[in-house]
Amino acid sequence: MLALSRKVNESIMIGNNIEITVLEVKGDQVKLGINAPKSIPIHRKEIYVQIQESNKEAAEATINDEILKKLFQ
């Protein structure tokens, strides 16, 4: 993991087209601004994990449905 120190209004670049800017620091919270192409999904990690779990469950359900269909053909 790369750890960088930034002050308010300072940014870091990820690749050529993603810029992350520190907008505000208040107590133990940091507000970040992310400028990236619309084609790049951006989620908080806890939401990303939920999406991944839902996708996995949906894929497993699809596989189970396909197995059931084959059994009853």
Protein backbone atom coordinates (compact mmCIF):
# COMPACT_ATOMS: atom_id res chain seq x y z
CA MET A 1 0.00 0.00 0.00
CA LEU A 2 1.21 3.46 -0.88
CA ALA A 3 0.60 6.04 1.87
CA LEU A 4 0.66 9.71 0.91
CA SER A 5 0.22 12.86 2.98
CA ARG A 6 -1.92 15.61 1.47
CA LYS A 7 -3.33 18.86 2.79
CA VAL A 8 -6.72 20.40 2.01
CA ASN A 9 -6.99 21.27 -1.72
CA GLU A 10 -4.04 19.02 -2.59
CA SER A 11 -4.55 16.10 -4.95
CA ILE A 12 -3.11 12.82 -6.08
CA MET A 13 -3.39 11.38 -9.58
CA ILE A 14 -4.11 7.76 -10.38
CA GLY A 15 -3.08 7.09 -13.94
CA ASN A 16 -3.79 9.88 -16.39
CA ASN A 17 -7.45 10.47 -15.69
CA ILE A 18 -8.33 9.97 -12.01
CA GLU A 19 -7.72 12.83 -9.59
CA ILE A 20 -8.45 12.58 -5.87
CA THR A 21 -8.52 15.85 -3.95
CA VAL A 22 -8.69 16.39 -0.18
CA LEU A 23 -11.64 18.77 0.22
CA GLU A 24 -11.95 18.97 3.98
CA VAL A 25 -10.56 17.51 7.19
CA LYS A 26 -12.87 17.72 10.20
CA GLY A 27 -11.93 15.76 13.31
CA ASP A 28 -11.48 12.13 12.28
CA GLN A 29 -13.27 12.54 8.93
CA VAL A 30 -11.68 13.38 5.61
CA LYS A 31 -13.84 14.54 2.70
CA LEU A 32 -12.44 13.54 -0.69
CA GLY A 33 -13.39 14.69 -4.17
CA ILE A 34 -12.90 12.23 -7.01
CA ASN A 35 -12.68 13.33 -10.62
CA ALA A 36 -12.79 10.34 -12.95
CA PRO A 37 -14.38 9.32 -16.24
CA LYS A 38 -18.04 8.28 -15.92
CA SER A 39 -17.09 4.85 -17.25
CA ILE A 40 -15.16 4.11 -14.04
CA PRO A 41 -17.44 3.00 -11.19
CA ILE A 42 -16.63 4.56 -7.81
CA HIS A 43 -18.09 3.11 -4.60
CA ARG A 44 -17.37 3.21 -0.89
CA LYS A 45 -15.73 -0.08 0.02
CA GLU A 46 -18.65 -1.38 2.10
CA ILE A 47 -20.99 -0.81 -0.87
CA TYR A 48 -18.49 -2.43 -3.24
CA VAL A 49 -18.36 -5.53 -1.00
CA GLN A 50 -22.18 -5.72 -0.94
CA ILE A 51 -22.29 -5.50 -4.75
CA GLN A 52 -19.72 -8.29 -5.05
CA GLU A 53 -21.66 -10.52 -2.63
CA SER A 54 -24.92 -9.88 -4.50
CA ASN A 55 -23.25 -10.67 -7.83
CA LYS A 56 -21.86 -13.91 -6.40
CA GLU A 57 -25.27 -14.93 -5.03
CA ALA A 58 -26.93 -14.12 -8.36
CA ALA A 59 -24.34 -16.15 -10.27
CA GLU A 60 -24.84 -19.12 -7.93
CA ALA A 61 -28.63 -18.87 -8.31
CA THR A 62 -28.26 -18.81 -12.10
CA ILE A 63 -26.06 -21.90 -12.02
CA ASN A 64 -28.58 -23.69 -9.75
CA ASP A 65 -31.45 -22.73 -12.09
CA GLU A 66 -29.55 -24.09 -15.08
CA ILE A 67 -28.83 -27.37 -13.26
CA LEU A 68 -32.52 -27.74 -12.32
CA LYS A 69 -33.63 -27.08 -15.90
CA LYS A 70 -31.27 -29.75 -17.20
CA LEU A 71 -32.56 -32.25 -14.63
CA PHE A 72 -36.17 -31.78 -15.71
CA GLN A 73 -35.60 -31.84 -19.47
